[in-house]
Amino acid sequence: MTLPLHSEPADRSHPAFRPNAEPFYAIVRKGLGDLVDGEHFWDAVAEDAEFEFRYVFAGFGPVIRGRAAYMDWFAGYDMQIERADGLQVAHDADRGVVTLEYEVHGRTAAGRAYDNRFCSVVTLVDRRIVGWRDYMDSLAVITALGG
């Protein structure tokens, strides 16, 4: 497999390679299938990718720029995702956009049940994720955290 110049394989020693997020990584990687290169979600992300989140939580900005910055954020992710399912995929080859709908299920750090639905609009260039716009059920997070 040959990687484009703007993306090297992700560093497997980085703390973003967390078992508690593996079901998320796996369902996204499954949804993108052979449209991207790399074995893991992080391998498929271009180093200069931009992630936009269409939800607002204290201490969480609406945009994260760069694979390294998003990996650093994921290093502190404390939800325990036990499984992910409900995958629906729509691919617009002309625009290089893949829309992924999926659900994740697990527990918060405090042990409360966590179930959420996502819609991720993924832009691909040179078989890499270069853009990510994410939507989710914000109330599910607030409820799971006891808010």
Foldseek 3Di string as FASTA:
>chain_A
DDDDPQADADDPVQLLVDQQCQQVFVLVCVQCDPLADDDTSLRQAGQQAKEAEPDDDPPDDRIDTGSVRVSVVSSPDFWRWPHKDPWDWDADPVQQKIKIKIKTWGAGNVGFTAIKIKIWIFHDDRRHTRYIYMYIDVVSVVVRVPD
